[in-house]
Protein backbone atom coordinates (compact mmCIF):
# COMPACT_ATOMS: atom_id res chain seq x y z
CA UNK A 1 -20.03 -11.87 26.88
CA UNK A 2 -20.80 -10.88 23.37
CA UNK A 3 -19.60 -7.79 21.85
CA UNK A 4 -21.41 -6.13 19.01
CA UNK A 5 -19.28 -5.15 15.88
CA UNK A 6 -19.27 -1.58 14.30
CA UNK A 7 -19.11 -3.22 10.83
CA UNK A 8 -21.50 -4.93 8.56
CA UNK A 9 -21.49 -5.77 5.16
CA UNK A 10 -24.51 -6.06 2.93
CA UNK A 11 -22.70 -7.81 0.23
CA UNK A 12 -20.44 -10.50 2.04
CA UNK A 13 -21.53 -13.32 -0.14
CA UNK A 14 -20.17 -11.26 -3.15
CA UNK A 15 -16.90 -10.39 -1.19
CA UNK A 16 -16.53 -13.91 -0.38
CA UNK A 17 -16.60 -15.09 -3.88
CA UNK A 18 -14.21 -12.20 -4.96
CA UNK A 19 -11.86 -12.95 -2.27
CA UNK A 20 -11.43 -16.54 -3.71
CA UNK A 21 -9.34 -14.88 -6.37
CA UNK A 22 -6.82 -14.13 -3.43
CA UNK A 23 -6.33 -17.28 -1.52
CA UNK A 24 -3.01 -16.28 0.05
CA UNK A 25 -4.63 -13.44 1.80
CA UNK A 26 -7.19 -15.59 3.77
CA UNK A 27 -5.02 -18.30 5.46
CA UNK A 28 -5.34 -18.97 9.09
CA UNK A 29 -2.46 -18.42 11.39
CA UNK A 30 -0.81 -21.17 13.01
CA UNK A 31 -0.64 -21.68 16.94
CA UNK A 32 3.24 -21.64 16.48
CA UNK A 33 3.12 -17.87 14.79
CA UNK A 34 5.08 -15.20 16.33
CA UNK A 35 5.73 -11.63 15.26
CA UNK A 36 8.69 -12.61 13.18
CA UNK A 37 6.41 -14.91 11.30
CA UNK A 38 4.78 -12.34 9.62
CA UNK A 39 7.40 -10.02 8.47
CA UNK A 40 8.65 -6.63 9.09
CA UNK A 41 7.49 -3.47 7.08
CA UNK A 42 9.49 -0.05 6.61
CA UNK A 43 7.52 2.90 5.68
CA UNK A 44 9.31 5.96 4.71
CA UNK A 45 8.15 9.47 3.95
CA UNK A 46 6.75 12.02 6.26
CA UNK A 47 8.55 15.21 5.68
CA UNK A 48 7.95 18.20 7.92
CA UNK A 49 4.24 19.11 7.54
CA UNK A 50 3.53 15.56 6.12
CA UNK A 51 3.84 13.33 8.92
CA UNK A 52 0.23 12.08 8.49
CA UNK A 53 0.97 10.22 5.20
CA UNK A 54 3.39 8.10 6.65
CA UNK A 55 1.44 7.50 9.70
CA UNK A 56 -1.60 6.42 7.80
CA UNK A 57 0.53 4.03 5.74
CA UNK A 58 2.03 2.38 8.76
CA UNK A 59 -1.13 2.09 10.65
CA UNK A 60 -2.77 0.48 7.78
CA UNK A 61 0.01 -1.84 7.78
CA UNK A 62 -0.22 -3.07 11.39
CA UNK A 63 -3.93 -3.47 11.27
CA UNK A 64 -3.38 -5.92 8.22
CA UNK A 65 -1.46 -8.42 9.97
CA UNK A 66 2.33 -7.29 9.60
CA UNK A 67 4.40 -8.55 12.39
CA UNK A 68 6.39 -5.34 12.85
CA UNK A 69 6.21 -1.97 11.37
CA UNK A 70 8.48 0.97 11.20
CA UNK A 71 7.70 4.42 10.42
CA UNK A 72 10.77 6.40 9.03
CA UNK A 73 10.30 10.03 8.57
CA UNK A 74 12.40 12.20 6.23
CA UNK A 75 12.98 14.51 9.00
CA UNK A 76 16.25 15.44 11.11
CA UNK A 77 14.41 14.57 14.35
CA UNK A 78 11.20 12.44 14.96
CA UNK A 79 8.08 14.74 14.99
CA UNK A 80 6.04 15.24 18.15
CA UNK A 81 3.60 13.80 18.81
CA UNK A 82 4.21 10.63 16.89
CA UNK A 83 1.31 7.97 16.83
CA UNK A 84 0.50 8.26 20.31
CA UNK A 85 -2.60 5.84 19.83
CA UNK A 86 -0.29 3.41 18.11
CA UNK A 87 2.60 2.79 20.09
CA UNK A 88 3.13 -0.85 18.42
CA UNK A 89 4.55 1.06 15.62
CA UNK A 90 8.35 1.51 15.96
CA UNK A 91 9.83 5.05 14.83
CA UNK A 92 12.90 6.26 13.26
CA UNK A 93 14.38 8.85 10.79
CA UNK A 94 14.53 7.71 7.12
CA UNK A 95 18.46 7.61 6.97
CA UNK A 96 18.85 5.54 10.15
CA UNK A 97 15.79 3.04 8.98
CA UNK A 98 17.68 2.47 5.70
CA UNK A 99 20.50 1.15 7.54
CA UNK A 100 18.51 -1.93 8.96
CA UNK A 101 19.12 -5.42 7.94
CA UNK A 102 15.86 -7.07 9.15
CA UNK A 103 13.23 -5.43 6.83
CA UNK A 104 10.99 -7.74 4.81
CA UNK A 105 9.47 -5.14 2.49
CA UNK A 106 9.59 -1.39 1.93
CA UNK A 107 7.13 1.25 1.11
CA UNK A 108 8.64 4.55 0.38
CA UNK A 109 7.09 7.88 -0.86
CA UNK A 110 4.01 8.75 1.31
CA UNK A 111 4.68 12.50 2.30
CA UNK A 112 8.36 12.04 1.17
CA UNK A 113 8.77 15.64 -0.38
CA UNK A 114 10.33 16.47 -3.35
CA UNK A 115 13.56 18.10 -2.04
CA UNK A 116 17.20 17.15 -2.06
CA UNK A 117 16.81 15.09 0.88
CA UNK A 118 13.94 13.25 -0.49
CA UNK A 119 15.91 12.38 -3.55
CA UNK A 120 18.88 11.29 -1.42
CA UNK A 121 16.45 9.03 0.42
CA UNK A 122 15.09 7.53 -2.83
CA UNK A 123 18.82 6.90 -4.24
CA UNK A 124 19.79 5.22 -1.14
CA UNK A 125 16.81 2.75 -1.34
CA UNK A 126 17.37 1.87 -4.82
CA UNK A 127 20.92 1.08 -4.09
CA UNK A 128 20.04 -1.40 -1.31
CA UNK A 129 21.01 -4.72 -2.50
CA UNK A 130 18.48 -6.55 -0.12
CA UNK A 131 16.31 -7.53 -3.11
CA UNK A 132 13.02 -7.28 -1.01
CA UNK A 133 9.99 -5.74 -2.38
CA UNK A 134 9.86 -1.99 -2.65
CA UNK A 135 6.76 0.03 -3.31
CA UNK A 136 7.06 3.48 -4.45
CA UNK A 137 4.15 6.00 -4.32
CA UNK A 138 3.62 9.58 -4.29
CA UNK A 139 6.35 11.91 -3.93
CA UNK A 140 8.95 8.87 -4.99
CA UNK A 141 6.87 8.40 -8.32
CA UNK A 142 7.50 12.36 -9.08
CA UNK A 143 11.01 12.10 -8.13
CA UNK A 144 11.33 9.33 -10.79
CA UNK A 145 9.82 11.36 -13.39
CA UNK A 146 11.90 14.50 -12.62
CA UNK A 147 15.35 12.64 -12.32
CA UNK A 148 16.28 10.18 -15.23
CA UNK A 149 18.98 8.51 -13.19
CA UNK A 150 16.63 7.58 -10.36
CA UNK A 151 14.26 6.20 -13.03
CA UNK A 152 17.05 4.13 -14.58
CA UNK A 153 17.87 2.74 -11.08
CA UNK A 154 14.31 1.92 -10.23
CA UNK A 155 13.95 -0.02 -13.84
CA UNK A 156 17.06 -2.04 -12.84
CA UNK A 157 16.13 -3.19 -9.49
CA UNK A 158 13.25 -5.50 -9.65
CA UNK A 159 10.62 -6.57 -7.34
CA UNK A 160 9.29 -3.10 -7.56
CA UNK A 161 5.67 -1.92 -7.29
CA UNK A 162 4.63 1.22 -8.40
CA UNK A 163 0.96 2.82 -7.41
CA UNK A 164 0.65 6.05 -9.37
CA UNK A 165 -2.60 8.11 -9.62
CA UNK A 166 -3.57 9.45 -13.07
CA UNK A 167 -1.45 12.54 -12.69
CA UNK A 168 1.64 10.71 -11.49
CA UNK A 169 1.27 8.28 -14.40
CA UNK A 170 1.34 11.06 -16.83
CA UNK A 171 4.55 12.34 -15.35
CA UNK A 172 5.97 9.21 -15.51
CA UNK A 173 5.16 8.59 -19.16
CA UNK A 174 5.89 12.33 -20.19
CA UNK A 175 2.38 12.74 -21.10
CA UNK A 176 -1.00 14.32 -20.18
CA UNK A 177 -3.46 13.21 -17.58
CA UNK A 178 -6.06 13.20 -20.21
CA UNK A 179 -4.13 10.83 -22.23
CA UNK A 180 -3.73 8.51 -19.43
CA UNK A 181 -7.12 8.55 -18.65
CA UNK A 182 -7.95 7.99 -22.46
CA UNK A 183 -6.43 4.62 -22.53
CA UNK A 184 -5.76 3.40 -19.00
CA UNK A 185 -4.70 -0.11 -19.72
CA UNK A 186 -2.21 1.22 -22.24
CA UNK A 187 -0.89 3.67 -19.72
CA UNK A 188 -0.33 1.05 -17.01
CA UNK A 189 1.28 -1.75 -19.25
CA UNK A 190 3.54 1.19 -20.62
CA UNK A 191 4.69 1.98 -17.02
CA UNK A 192 4.96 -1.58 -16.15
CA UNK A 193 7.22 -2.35 -19.12
CA UNK A 194 9.43 0.72 -18.62
CA UNK A 195 10.22 0.18 -14.99
CA UNK A 196 9.84 -3.75 -14.93
CA UNK A 197 7.45 -3.16 -12.09
CA UNK A 198 3.88 -4.18 -11.09
CA UNK A 199 1.81 -0.98 -11.87
CA UNK A 200 -1.36 -0.01 -9.72
CA UNK A 201 -2.99 2.68 -11.62
CA UNK A 202 -5.40 4.29 -9.40
CA UNK A 203 -8.91 5.41 -9.73
CA UNK A 204 -12.55 4.12 -10.27
CA UNK A 205 -11.78 0.29 -11.40
CA UNK A 206 -7.98 0.46 -10.43
CA UNK A 207 -5.92 -1.39 -12.83
CA UNK A 208 -2.98 -3.76 -11.84
CA UNK A 209 -0.37 -4.58 -14.62
CA UNK A 210 2.45 -7.19 -14.25
CA UNK A 211 6.05 -6.32 -15.16
CA UNK A 212 5.67 -7.60 -18.62
CA UNK A 213 2.60 -4.99 -19.06
CA UNK A 214 -0.05 -7.92 -18.97
CA UNK A 215 -3.22 -6.98 -17.30
CA UNK A 216 -3.75 -8.82 -14.01
CA UNK A 217 -6.66 -7.31 -12.14
CA UNK A 218 -9.47 -4.72 -13.04
CA UNK A 219 -10.91 -4.03 -9.54
CA UNK A 220 -14.52 -3.57 -8.87
CA UNK A 221 -14.71 -3.03 -5.11
CA UNK A 222 -15.20 0.32 -3.60
CA UNK A 223 -16.75 3.35 -3.84
CA UNK A 224 -16.68 7.40 -3.94
CA UNK A 225 -15.84 7.52 -0.24
CA UNK A 226 -12.51 6.60 -1.18
CA UNK A 227 -11.99 10.01 -2.81
CA UNK A 228 -10.39 11.54 0.39
CA UNK A 229 -7.02 12.52 1.52
CA UNK A 230 -4.77 9.65 2.63
CA UNK A 231 -6.72 6.96 0.84
CA UNK A 232 -3.64 6.19 -1.47
CA UNK A 233 -1.40 6.02 1.64
CA UNK A 234 -3.66 3.34 3.09
CA UNK A 235 -3.51 1.29 0.20
CA UNK A 236 0.31 1.50 0.08
CA UNK A 237 0.27 0.29 3.63
CA UNK A 238 -1.91 -2.49 3.20
CA UNK A 239 -0.06 -3.84 -0.08
CA UNK A 240 3.19 -3.54 1.88
CA UNK A 241 1.96 -5.18 5.08
CA UNK A 242 0.80 -8.21 2.59
CA UNK A 243 4.38 -8.10 0.85
CA UNK A 244 6.07 -8.14 4.23
CA UNK A 245 3.96 -11.26 5.31
CA UNK A 246 5.51 -13.13 2.39
CA UNK A 247 2.47 -13.12 0.14
CA UNK A 248 3.38 -13.56 -3.40
CA UNK A 249 3.56 -10.13 -5.29
CA UNK A 250 0.72 -10.77 -7.76
CA UNK A 251 -1.60 -11.97 -4.64
CA UNK A 252 -0.56 -9.00 -2.42
CA UNK A 253 -0.77 -6.39 -5.00
CA UNK A 254 -4.23 -7.33 -6.69
CA UNK A 255 -5.48 -8.63 -3.40
CA UNK A 256 -4.40 -5.38 -1.44
CA UNK A 257 -6.08 -3.32 -4.12
CA UNK A 258 -9.39 -5.33 -3.70
CA UNK A 259 -9.11 -5.43 0.04
CA UNK A 260 -8.69 -1.64 0.21
CA UNK A 261 -11.78 -1.01 -1.89
CA UNK A 262 -13.91 -3.77 -0.04
CA UNK A 263 -12.88 -2.01 3.26
CA UNK A 264 -14.65 1.08 1.97
CA UNK A 265 -17.91 -0.82 0.79
CA UNK A 266 -17.74 -2.43 4.55
CA UNK A 267 -17.78 1.17 5.77
CA UNK A 268 -20.48 2.31 3.42
CA UNK A 269 -22.66 -0.65 4.73
CA UNK A 270 -22.04 0.24 8.08
CA UNK A 271 -23.03 3.44 10.11
CA UNK A 272 -20.07 5.49 8.67
CA UNK A 273 -21.59 5.91 4.72
CA UNK A 274 -19.72 7.36 1.80
CA UNK A 275 -19.76 11.03 2.46
CA UNK A 276 -16.93 11.83 4.91
CA UNK A 277 -15.30 8.68 5.14
CA UNK A 278 -12.10 9.15 6.69
CA UNK A 279 -8.82 7.14 5.06
CA UNK A 280 -7.71 6.43 8.71
CA UNK A 281 -11.27 4.47 9.17
CA UNK A 282 -10.25 1.95 6.24
CA UNK A 283 -7.57 -0.12 8.00
CA UNK A 284 -9.69 -1.50 10.91
CA UNK A 285 -12.57 -2.19 8.43
CA UNK A 286 -9.97 -4.08 6.32
CA UNK A 287 -8.84 -5.91 9.35
CA UNK A 288 -12.43 -7.02 10.20
CA UNK A 289 -13.21 -8.11 6.74
CA UNK A 290 -10.00 -10.15 6.11
CA UNK A 291 -10.63 -11.85 9.46
CA UNK A 292 -14.57 -12.62 8.68
CA UNK A 293 -13.76 -14.00 5.01
CA UNK A 294 -10.62 -16.28 6.76
CA UNK A 295 -13.16 -17.61 9.24
CA UNK A 296 -15.66 -18.21 6.32
CA UNK A 297 -13.31 -19.93 4.28
CA UNK A 298 -11.53 -22.12 6.86
CA UNK A 299 -14.36 -22.55 9.59
CA UNK A 300 -12.49 -25.24 11.35
CA UNK A 301 -9.41 -22.60 11.68
């Protein structure tokens, strides 16, 4: 029986050509694969009233191939209901999740809040000695900007990815958003050098800079449908998923940025369109595109 797909891509040939820059994202899985093969991601955030942010990131991670995903909420107890449509995602509170020793990569900040508890969660994370990739987004970036001791911890950690939008970038640099936007490449490079981190400066033509400040990628995928609440959380989940799968940081960060935008282009080309595109629709579209590209690049599996 043939099943019709809800997706199409009018620009698949161009997407296939662009995807060649990120070969590690499009490797067929071996017959011997199991859930442990593809890593375990922990996504921490989701303070009271902001549970949706961590849910969006965790769902994006599981849709994009991570073997296991934990969602850790910065709350005293788990909110209810929690991800009833995605029981594959494991649930915890943030402090309990940070005690685990089996995490391959971390995402922290989506809906984390700026309270004392949030700062304590950030400090704990920065002091963990596991050395695994750590992506900081959203409220975690604002906490870095407000608390110099946390910023110093982050700069010394290594294996760090920061994903600011222009206002968050301005806070990290102690400047105005307009100044960031006036020279985005310079701003991204400064953040990378200051924190010894990969920097993803979001916006139209998102920029990715290496820890030494060199420009790695100017993204050309995506469309205005991404201008919706939760889009950045989905991006964090996609990049975190790729990192947990053992993909090299440069490939995971640059390729994740591209795949996030390319998924929005798939939705634009399908029945969804740009207007009213929901952030939660991006993850399954990214899964579809990643699988189609893998099949095209490796037709014999």
